Amino acid sequence: MRNFYIKYKDWDLKIGMALFVFVTALFVIPDVLFFFQISVTNRDFFIGLVFMIVALYYITGKNKGETALLLLCVLICIGLSIWFSGNLLDTSYDGNGYRKIMTGLLKEGWNPIWHKPDEFNEAVKAAPVALASWGDNSNWFWMDVHPKALAVVSSVVYAITGNIESGKFYTLISIVMVFCFYNHFLRKHLKLWQAVLMSAVIACNPVAMTNIRNYYGDGFIAHILMIAVVFILEYFDEADQKGKRDCLQG
C-alpha cells in the first residue's frame, strides 16, 4: 500500500477532483443548454464523462498510464454509487412529494427556465397521478421555487439508467470526494492509518449516511462545505510549507 502511495502521488486528490468535475459538469452542461431550449437527455452524461476524462488527463500531467488507472477507479466509484442508489427505495415524504417528480419531469423534457412544472405536466402528462397539496400550496409550487441543481444531476443519471432511484447517487459520490480530499490533507500530518480513519469518519457523518437512501440534499451540501474548508486548509498549509522552505534556503 505504501508503495502505491509513493508511485501514484496525490492519487486521492486526483480522484476527488475527477469526481468533482464530473458532478459539476452534470448540472452545468444541462443548465447552459436550458437557455437554448435544449432539454436533459443521456447525452449530458457522456459529455460529463468527456469533461472528467480530459480534466483527469491534465491533472495527472498527461500521464496516460496513471490517467487510465485512476479513470478505472473513478468509473468504478460512479458505477457502484449509481447501482447501490438504484437499489434503495426512497420512502421519504419530500422525496416522493416533489423531489422525484421534479427529477422525472426534467428527464421527460421539462425546461425550468421556460416552463412552470404544472404547465409542462399538463402538456405531456409526465406525472400520471394528482399531486398532494400542503395547505394552500401544492407541490407544484415547491418544484417551481426549489433549487434544481441536484435534480438536474439526478435527471441525467435517470435518463441513462431508466431507474429514478439511481438519481440519488450524488450523496455517495460526495462521500468519496470528501474522503479523498481529507485523506490527501491529513496524510501529510498523520500516520497513514490515522488519516484514512479520520477521513472516513468525516466523510461518513450522520447527515450523509441518513441521506444515502433518499433524495435529500443536506448531506451533499454539507460535504461541499467540508470540501471548501479542506481546500482552505490546503492553501494555508502549502503557504506555510513554502515559507519554511524559503527560510531554509535563505
C-alpha atoms as a PDB file:
ATOM      1  CA  MET A   1       0.000   0.000   0.000  1.00  0.00           C
ATOM      2  CA  ARG A   2       2.774   2.416   0.868  1.00  0.00           C
ATOM      3  CA  ASN A   3       4.489   1.690  -2.462  1.00  0.00           C
ATOM      4  CA  PHE A   4       1.214   2.575  -4.194  1.00  0.00           C
ATOM      5  CA  TYR A   5       1.182   5.917  -2.360  1.00  0.00           C
ATOM      6  CA  ILE A   6       4.734   6.617  -3.440  1.00  0.00           C
ATOM      7  CA  LYS A   7       4.254   5.599  -7.076  1.00  0.00           C
ATOM      8  CA  TYR A   8       0.910   7.369  -7.526  1.00  0.00           C
ATOM      9  CA  LYS A   9       1.472  10.501  -5.525  1.00  0.00           C
ATOM     10  CA  ASP A  10      -1.670  12.519  -4.807  1.00  0.00           C
ATOM     11  CA  TRP A  11      -3.939   9.755  -6.169  1.00  0.00           C
ATOM     12  CA  ASP A  12      -6.640  10.692  -3.663  1.00  0.00           C
ATOM     13  CA  LEU A  13      -6.608  14.352  -4.670  1.00  0.00           C
ATOM     14  CA  LYS A  14      -6.797  13.414  -8.365  1.00  0.00           C
ATOM     15  CA  ILE A  15      -9.715  11.010  -7.886  1.00  0.00           C
ATOM     16  CA  GLY A  16     -11.545  13.584  -5.789  1.00  0.00           C
ATOM     17  CA  MET A  17     -11.005  16.281  -8.418  1.00  0.00           C
ATOM     18  CA  ALA A  18     -12.173  13.980 -11.232  1.00  0.00           C
ATOM     19  CA  LEU A  19     -15.407  13.199  -9.371  1.00  0.00           C
ATOM     20  CA  PHE A  20     -15.865  16.886  -8.570  1.00  0.00           C
ATOM     21  CA  VAL A  21     -15.523  17.797 -12.251  1.00  0.00           C
ATOM     22  CA  PHE A  22     -17.962  15.045 -13.249  1.00  0.00           C
ATOM     23  CA  VAL A  23     -20.724  16.059 -10.841  1.00  0.00           C
ATOM     24  CA  THR A  24     -20.226  19.742 -11.679  1.00  0.00           C
ATOM     25  CA  ALA A  25     -20.482  19.005 -15.400  1.00  0.00           C
ATOM     26  CA  LEU A  26     -23.728  17.072 -14.880  1.00  0.00           C
ATOM     27  CA  PHE A  27     -25.549  20.194 -13.752  1.00  0.00           C
ATOM     28  CA  VAL A  28     -23.600  22.973 -15.515  1.00  0.00           C
ATOM     29  CA  ILE A  29     -23.966  21.478 -19.020  1.00  0.00           C
ATOM     30  CA  PRO A  30     -27.773  20.982 -18.855  1.00  0.00           C
ATOM     31  CA  ASP A  31     -28.212  24.391 -17.192  1.00  0.00           C
ATOM     32  CA  VAL A  32     -26.408  26.103 -20.060  1.00  0.00           C
ATOM     33  CA  LEU A  33     -28.404  24.133 -22.636  1.00  0.00           C
ATOM     34  CA  PHE A  34     -31.665  25.117 -20.932  1.00  0.00           C
ATOM     35  CA  PHE A  35     -31.129  28.677 -22.175  1.00  0.00           C
ATOM     36  CA  PHE A  36     -31.182  27.340 -25.737  1.00  0.00           C
ATOM     37  CA  GLN A  37     -34.356  25.330 -25.017  1.00  0.00           C
ATOM     38  CA  ILE A  38     -32.444  22.029 -25.094  1.00  0.00           C
ATOM     39  CA  SER A  39     -33.723  19.551 -22.523  1.00  0.00           C
ATOM     40  CA  VAL A  40     -31.925  16.915 -20.438  1.00  0.00           C
ATOM     41  CA  THR A  41     -31.005  13.669 -22.208  1.00  0.00           C
ATOM     42  CA  ASN A  42     -28.489  10.858 -21.660  1.00  0.00           C
ATOM     43  CA  ARG A  43     -26.194  12.912 -23.932  1.00  0.00           C
ATOM     44  CA  ASP A  44     -25.336  15.077 -20.923  1.00  0.00           C
ATOM     45  CA  PHE A  45     -23.964  12.079 -19.011  1.00  0.00           C
ATOM     46  CA  PHE A  46     -21.456  11.258 -21.751  1.00  0.00           C
ATOM     47  CA  ILE A  47     -20.458  14.911 -22.135  1.00  0.00           C
ATOM     48  CA  GLY A  48     -19.793  14.952 -18.388  1.00  0.00           C
ATOM     49  CA  LEU A  49     -17.603  11.864 -18.744  1.00  0.00           C
ATOM     50  CA  VAL A  50     -15.610  13.536 -21.528  1.00  0.00           C
ATOM     51  CA  PHE A  51     -15.020  16.623 -19.369  1.00  0.00           C
ATOM     52  CA  MET A  52     -13.932  14.389 -16.492  1.00  0.00           C
ATOM     53  CA  ILE A  53     -11.513  12.357 -18.636  1.00  0.00           C
ATOM     54  CA  VAL A  54      -9.918  15.476 -20.119  1.00  0.00           C
ATOM     55  CA  ALA A  55      -9.593  17.037 -16.651  1.00  0.00           C
ATOM     56  CA  LEU A  56      -8.045  13.835 -15.252  1.00  0.00           C
ATOM     57  CA  TYR A  57      -5.577  13.684 -18.151  1.00  0.00           C
ATOM     58  CA  TYR A  58      -4.288  17.162 -17.340  1.00  0.00           C
ATOM     59  CA  ILE A  59      -4.446  16.617 -13.567  1.00  0.00           C
ATOM     60  CA  THR A  60      -2.079  13.639 -13.959  1.00  0.00           C
ATOM     61  CA  GLY A  61       0.323  15.728 -16.018  1.00  0.00           C
ATOM     62  CA  LYS A  62      -0.703  13.977 -19.263  1.00  0.00           C
ATOM     63  CA  ASN A  63       0.473  10.629 -17.895  1.00  0.00           C
ATOM     64  CA  LYS A  64      -1.589   8.149 -19.916  1.00  0.00           C
ATOM     65  CA  GLY A  65      -0.873   5.167 -17.686  1.00  0.00           C
ATOM     66  CA  GLU A  66      -1.835   6.963 -14.497  1.00  0.00           C
ATOM     67  CA  THR A  67      -4.850   8.513 -16.210  1.00  0.00           C
ATOM     68  CA  ALA A  68      -6.107   5.080 -17.276  1.00  0.00           C
ATOM     69  CA  LEU A  69      -5.661   3.592 -13.794  1.00  0.00           C
ATOM     70  CA  LEU A  70      -7.321   6.489 -11.984  1.00  0.00           C
ATOM     71  CA  LEU A  71     -10.089   6.626 -14.585  1.00  0.00           C
ATOM     72  CA  LEU A  72     -10.855   2.981 -13.864  1.00  0.00           C
ATOM     73  CA  CYS A  73     -11.072   3.762 -10.133  1.00  0.00           C
ATOM     74  CA  VAL A  74     -13.347   6.754 -10.782  1.00  0.00           C
ATOM     75  CA  LEU A  75     -15.654   4.803 -13.110  1.00  0.00           C
ATOM     76  CA  ILE A  76     -15.945   2.030 -10.514  1.00  0.00           C
ATOM     77  CA  CYS A  77     -16.904   4.621  -7.878  1.00  0.00           C
ATOM     78  CA  ILE A  78     -19.521   6.159 -10.172  1.00  0.00           C
ATOM     79  CA  GLY A  79     -20.886   2.792 -11.291  1.00  0.00           C
ATOM     80  CA  LEU A  80     -21.168   1.377  -7.773  1.00  0.00           C
ATOM     81  CA  SER A  81     -22.775   4.588  -6.473  1.00  0.00           C
ATOM     82  CA  ILE A  82     -25.413   4.531  -9.224  1.00  0.00           C
ATOM     83  CA  TRP A  83     -26.052   0.794  -8.793  1.00  0.00           C
ATOM     84  CA  PHE A  84     -26.292   0.947  -4.997  1.00  0.00           C
ATOM     85  CA  SER A  85     -28.567   4.004  -5.029  1.00  0.00           C
ATOM     86  CA  GLY A  86     -30.784   2.395  -7.644  1.00  0.00           C
ATOM     87  CA  ASN A  87     -31.426  -0.487  -5.270  1.00  0.00           C
ATOM     88  CA  LEU A  88     -32.511   1.735  -2.368  1.00  0.00           C
ATOM     89  CA  LEU A  89     -36.132   2.864  -2.341  1.00  0.00           C
ATOM     90  CA  ASP A  90     -36.705   6.451  -1.229  1.00  0.00           C
ATOM     91  CA  THR A  91     -39.774   6.377   1.035  1.00  0.00           C
ATOM     92  CA  SER A  92     -39.421   9.941   2.360  1.00  0.00           C
ATOM     93  CA  TYR A  93     -42.328  12.356   2.043  1.00  0.00           C
ATOM     94  CA  ASP A  94     -40.299  15.123   0.404  1.00  0.00           C
ATOM     95  CA  GLY A  95     -38.609  12.658  -1.927  1.00  0.00           C
ATOM     96  CA  ASN A  96     -41.914  11.340  -3.233  1.00  0.00           C
ATOM     97  CA  GLY A  97     -43.847  14.578  -2.808  1.00  0.00           C
ATOM     98  CA  TYR A  98     -41.806  16.717  -5.167  1.00  0.00           C
ATOM     99  CA  ARG A  99     -38.110  15.806  -5.440  1.00  0.00           C
ATOM    100  CA  LYS A 100     -38.514  12.635  -7.510  1.00  0.00           C
ATOM    101  CA  ILE A 101     -41.347  14.198  -9.508  1.00  0.00           C
ATOM    102  CA  MET A 102     -39.104  17.174 -10.284  1.00  0.00           C
ATOM    103  CA  THR A 103     -36.359  14.780 -11.401  1.00  0.00           C
ATOM    104  CA  GLY A 104     -38.813  12.845 -13.548  1.00  0.00           C
ATOM    105  CA  LEU A 105     -40.188  15.966 -15.212  1.00  0.00           C
ATOM    106  CA  LEU A 106     -36.656  17.145 -16.062  1.00  0.00           C
ATOM    107  CA  LYS A 107     -35.882  13.761 -17.594  1.00  0.00           C
ATOM    108  CA  GLU A 108     -39.115  13.931 -19.629  1.00  0.00           C
ATOM    109  CA  GLY A 109     -38.127  17.291 -21.117  1.00  0.00           C
ATOM    110  CA  TRP A 110     -39.172  19.960 -18.629  1.00  0.00           C
ATOM    111  CA  ASN A 111     -37.137  23.148 -19.034  1.00  0.00           C
ATOM    112  CA  PRO A 112     -37.401  25.106 -15.749  1.00  0.00           C
ATOM    113  CA  ILE A 113     -36.195  28.313 -17.391  1.00  0.00           C
ATOM    114  CA  TRP A 114     -39.013  28.398 -19.943  1.00  0.00           C
ATOM    115  CA  HIS A 115     -41.875  26.470 -18.330  1.00  0.00           C
ATOM    116  CA  LYS A 116     -43.588  26.022 -14.990  1.00  0.00           C
ATOM    117  CA  PRO A 117     -43.739  22.378 -13.876  1.00  0.00           C
ATOM    118  CA  ASP A 118     -47.548  22.158 -13.759  1.00  0.00           C
ATOM    119  CA  GLU A 119     -47.860  23.698 -17.231  1.00  0.00           C
ATOM    120  CA  PHE A 120     -45.338  21.241 -18.660  1.00  0.00           C
ATOM    121  CA  ASN A 121     -47.030  18.281 -16.995  1.00  0.00           C
ATOM    122  CA  GLU A 122     -50.406  19.398 -18.293  1.00  0.00           C
ATOM    123  CA  ALA A 123     -48.982  19.315 -21.814  1.00  0.00           C
ATOM    124  CA  VAL A 124     -47.153  15.970 -21.687  1.00  0.00           C
ATOM    125  CA  LYS A 125     -48.838  14.180 -18.748  1.00  0.00           C
ATOM    126  CA  ALA A 126     -45.448  13.039 -17.426  1.00  0.00           C
ATOM    127  CA  ALA A 127     -46.724  12.719 -13.829  1.00  0.00           C
ATOM    128  CA  PRO A 128     -49.690  10.317 -14.114  1.00  0.00           C
ATOM    129  CA  VAL A 129     -51.249  10.971 -10.700  1.00  0.00           C
ATOM    130  CA  ALA A 130     -52.546  14.091  -8.976  1.00  0.00           C
ATOM    131  CA  LEU A 131     -50.077  15.600  -6.535  1.00  0.00           C
ATOM    132  CA  ALA A 132     -50.979  16.134  -2.895  1.00  0.00           C
ATOM    133  CA  SER A 133     -51.333  19.642  -1.501  1.00  0.00           C
ATOM    134  CA  TRP A 134     -49.661  21.200   1.511  1.00  0.00           C
ATOM    135  CA  GLY A 135     -52.164  23.635   2.904  1.00  0.00           C
ATOM    136  CA  ASP A 136     -52.711  26.388   0.351  1.00  0.00           C
ATOM    137  CA  ASN A 137     -49.579  25.497  -1.654  1.00  0.00           C
ATOM    138  CA  SER A 138     -49.383  22.454  -3.913  1.00  0.00           C
ATOM    139  CA  ASN A 139     -46.208  20.524  -4.564  1.00  0.00           C
ATOM    140  CA  TRP A 140     -46.054  22.248  -7.961  1.00  0.00           C
ATOM    141  CA  PHE A 141     -45.089  25.404  -6.061  1.00  0.00           C
ATOM    142  CA  TRP A 142     -42.150  23.692  -4.362  1.00  0.00           C
ATOM    143  CA  MET A 143     -40.953  22.220  -7.650  1.00  0.00           C
ATOM    144  CA  ASP A 144     -41.070  25.679  -9.201  1.00  0.00           C
ATOM    145  CA  VAL A 145     -39.115  27.514  -6.490  1.00  0.00           C
ATOM    146  CA  HIS A 146     -36.833  24.782  -5.133  1.00  0.00           C
ATOM    147  CA  PRO A 147     -33.128  24.815  -6.150  1.00  0.00           C
ATOM    148  CA  LYS A 148     -32.744  22.367  -9.005  1.00  0.00           C
ATOM    149  CA  ALA A 149     -29.005  21.619  -9.273  1.00  0.00           C
ATOM    150  CA  LEU A 150     -29.238  18.173  -7.685  1.00  0.00           C
ATOM    151  CA  ALA A 151     -32.487  17.422  -9.526  1.00  0.00           C
ATOM    152  CA  VAL A 152     -30.729  18.169 -12.812  1.00  0.00           C
ATOM    153  CA  VAL A 153     -27.846  15.846 -11.870  1.00  0.00           C
ATOM    154  CA  SER A 154     -30.346  13.151 -10.883  1.00  0.00           C
ATOM    155  CA  SER A 155     -32.344  13.538 -14.088  1.00  0.00           C
ATOM    156  CA  VAL A 156     -29.225  12.995 -16.213  1.00  0.00           C
ATOM    157  CA  VAL A 157     -28.478   9.728 -14.401  1.00  0.00           C
ATOM    158  CA  TYR A 158     -32.159   8.748 -14.585  1.00  0.00           C
ATOM    159  CA  ALA A 159     -32.028   9.302 -18.350  1.00  0.00           C
ATOM    160  CA  ILE A 160     -29.134   6.808 -18.547  1.00  0.00           C
ATOM    161  CA  THR A 161     -30.414   4.086 -16.212  1.00  0.00           C
ATOM    162  CA  GLY A 162     -34.189   4.368 -16.559  1.00  0.00           C
ATOM    163  CA  ASN A 163     -34.316   3.944 -12.762  1.00  0.00           C
ATOM    164  CA  ILE A 164     -35.323   7.104 -10.923  1.00  0.00           C
ATOM    165  CA  GLU A 165     -33.921   5.809  -7.632  1.00  0.00           C
ATOM    166  CA  SER A 166     -30.399   5.778  -9.102  1.00  0.00           C
ATOM    167  CA  GLY A 167     -30.556   9.572  -9.371  1.00  0.00           C
ATOM    168  CA  LYS A 168     -29.772   9.999  -5.678  1.00  0.00           C
ATOM    169  CA  PHE A 169     -26.239   8.679  -6.215  1.00  0.00           C
ATOM    170  CA  TYR A 170     -24.808  12.153  -5.527  1.00  0.00           C
ATOM    171  CA  THR A 171     -24.618  11.583  -1.759  1.00  0.00           C
ATOM    172  CA  LEU A 172     -22.422   8.502  -2.189  1.00  0.00           C
ATOM    173  CA  ILE A 173     -20.227  10.320  -4.694  1.00  0.00           C
ATOM    174  CA  SER A 174     -19.813  13.228  -2.268  1.00  0.00           C
ATOM    175  CA  ILE A 175     -18.762  10.773   0.467  1.00  0.00           C
ATOM    176  CA  VAL A 176     -15.963   9.519  -1.790  1.00  0.00           C
ATOM    177  CA  MET A 177     -14.932  13.091  -2.679  1.00  0.00           C
ATOM    178  CA  VAL A 178     -14.730  14.199   0.950  1.00  0.00           C
ATOM    179  CA  PHE A 179     -12.774  11.090   1.901  1.00  0.00           C
ATOM    180  CA  CYS A 180     -10.266  11.668  -0.901  1.00  0.00           C
ATOM    181  CA  PHE A 181      -9.736  15.381  -0.226  1.00  0.00           C
ATOM    182  CA  TYR A 182      -9.373  14.989   3.553  1.00  0.00           C
ATOM    183  CA  ASN A 183      -7.142  11.929   3.216  1.00  0.00           C
ATOM    184  CA  HIS A 184      -4.846  13.926   0.920  1.00  0.00           C
ATOM    185  CA  PHE A 185      -4.570  16.684   3.501  1.00  0.00           C
ATOM    186  CA  LEU A 186      -4.400  14.593   6.670  1.00  0.00           C
ATOM    187  CA  ARG A 187      -1.834  12.033   5.488  1.00  0.00           C
ATOM    188  CA  LYS A 188       0.711  14.862   5.290  1.00  0.00           C
ATOM    189  CA  HIS A 189       0.330  15.387   9.048  1.00  0.00           C
ATOM    190  CA  LEU A 190      -0.720  11.989  10.438  1.00  0.00           C
ATOM    191  CA  LYS A 191       0.184   8.338  10.038  1.00  0.00           C
ATOM    192  CA  LEU A 192      -1.464   6.693   7.044  1.00  0.00           C
ATOM    193  CA  TRP A 193      -3.962   4.633   9.053  1.00  0.00           C
ATOM    194  CA  GLN A 194      -4.884   7.633  11.155  1.00  0.00           C
ATOM    195  CA  ALA A 195      -5.516   9.771   8.071  1.00  0.00           C
ATOM    196  CA  VAL A 196      -7.659   7.061   6.454  1.00  0.00           C
ATOM    197  CA  LEU A 197      -9.685   6.507   9.631  1.00  0.00           C
ATOM    198  CA  MET A 198     -10.282  10.192  10.307  1.00  0.00           C
ATOM    199  CA  SER A 199     -11.163  10.886   6.669  1.00  0.00           C
ATOM    200  CA  ALA A 200     -13.688   8.040   6.709  1.00  0.00           C
ATOM    201  CA  VAL A 201     -15.293   9.382   9.895  1.00  0.00           C
ATOM    202  CA  ILE A 202     -15.552  12.882   8.420  1.00  0.00           C
ATOM    203  CA  ALA A 203     -16.982  11.637   5.122  1.00  0.00           C
ATOM    204  CA  CYS A 204     -19.424   9.154   6.666  1.00  0.00           C
ATOM    205  CA  ASN A 205     -21.038  11.668   9.021  1.00  0.00           C
ATOM    206  CA  PRO A 206     -24.585  11.025  10.309  1.00  0.00           C
ATOM    207  CA  VAL A 207     -26.229  13.518   7.939  1.00  0.00           C
ATOM    208  CA  ALA A 208     -24.661  11.939   4.860  1.00  0.00           C
ATOM    209  CA  MET A 209     -25.352   8.377   5.989  1.00  0.00           C
ATOM    210  CA  THR A 210     -29.053   9.091   6.546  1.00  0.00           C
ATOM    211  CA  ASN A 211     -29.285  10.810   3.145  1.00  0.00           C
ATOM    212  CA  ILE A 212     -27.891   7.839   1.190  1.00  0.00           C
ATOM    213  CA  ARG A 213     -31.340   6.275   0.888  1.00  0.00           C
ATOM    214  CA  ASN A 214     -33.346   9.372  -0.046  1.00  0.00           C
ATOM    215  CA  TYR A 215     -33.384  12.386  -2.350  1.00  0.00           C
ATOM    216  CA  TYR A 216     -32.486  14.909   0.341  1.00  0.00           C
ATOM    217  CA  GLY A 217     -29.567  17.205  -0.427  1.00  0.00           C
ATOM    218  CA  ASP A 218     -28.455  18.074   3.110  1.00  0.00           C
ATOM    219  CA  GLY A 219     -25.593  15.591   3.168  1.00  0.00           C
ATOM    220  CA  PHE A 220     -24.328  16.650  -0.242  1.00  0.00           C
ATOM    221  CA  ILE A 221     -24.424  20.363   0.657  1.00  0.00           C
ATOM    222  CA  ALA A 222     -22.648  19.658   3.949  1.00  0.00           C
ATOM    223  CA  HIS A 223     -19.957  17.792   2.011  1.00  0.00           C
ATOM    224  CA  ILE A 224     -19.482  20.695  -0.392  1.00  0.00           C
ATOM    225  CA  LEU A 225     -18.910  22.976   2.614  1.00  0.00           C
ATOM    226  CA  MET A 226     -16.445  20.451   4.039  1.00  0.00           C
ATOM    227  CA  ILE A 227     -14.592  20.396   0.732  1.00  0.00           C
ATOM    228  CA  ALA A 228     -14.389  24.196   0.776  1.00  0.00           C
ATOM    229  CA  VAL A 229     -12.909  24.013   4.285  1.00  0.00           C
ATOM    230  CA  VAL A 230     -10.237  21.458   3.354  1.00  0.00           C
ATOM    231  CA  PHE A 231      -9.308  23.479   0.249  1.00  0.00           C
ATOM    232  CA  ILE A 232      -8.702  26.484   2.527  1.00  0.00           C
ATOM    233  CA  LEU A 233      -6.629  24.314   4.864  1.00  0.00           C
ATOM    234  CA  GLU A 234      -4.615  23.021   1.891  1.00  0.00           C
ATOM    235  CA  TYR A 235      -3.964  26.596   0.762  1.00  0.00           C
ATOM    236  CA  PHE A 236      -2.645  27.752   4.132  1.00  0.00           C
ATOM    237  CA  ASP A 237      -0.696  24.525   4.634  1.00  0.00           C
ATOM    238  CA  GLU A 238       1.031  24.988   1.278  1.00  0.00           C
ATOM    239  CA  ALA A 239       1.766  28.625   2.120  1.00  0.00           C
ATOM    240  CA  ASP A 240       3.234  27.538   5.457  1.00  0.00           C
ATOM    241  CA  GLN A 241       5.410  24.881   3.826  1.00  0.00           C
ATOM    242  CA  LYS A 242       6.594  27.388   1.217  1.00  0.00           C
ATOM    243  CA  GLY A 243       7.516  29.840   3.973  1.00  0.00           C
ATOM    244  CA  LYS A 244       9.565  27.174   5.737  1.00  0.00           C
ATOM    245  CA  ARG A 245      11.385  26.262   2.527  1.00  0.00           C
ATOM    246  CA  ASP A 246      12.184  29.905   1.859  1.00  0.00           C
ATOM    247  CA  CYS A 247      13.598  30.280   5.371  1.00  0.00           C
ATOM    248  CA  LEU A 248      15.830  27.225   4.925  1.00  0.00           C
ATOM    249  CA  GLN A 249      17.075  28.467   1.553  1.00  0.00           C
ATOM    250  CA  GLY A 250      17.705  31.926   2.939  1.00  0.00           C
END
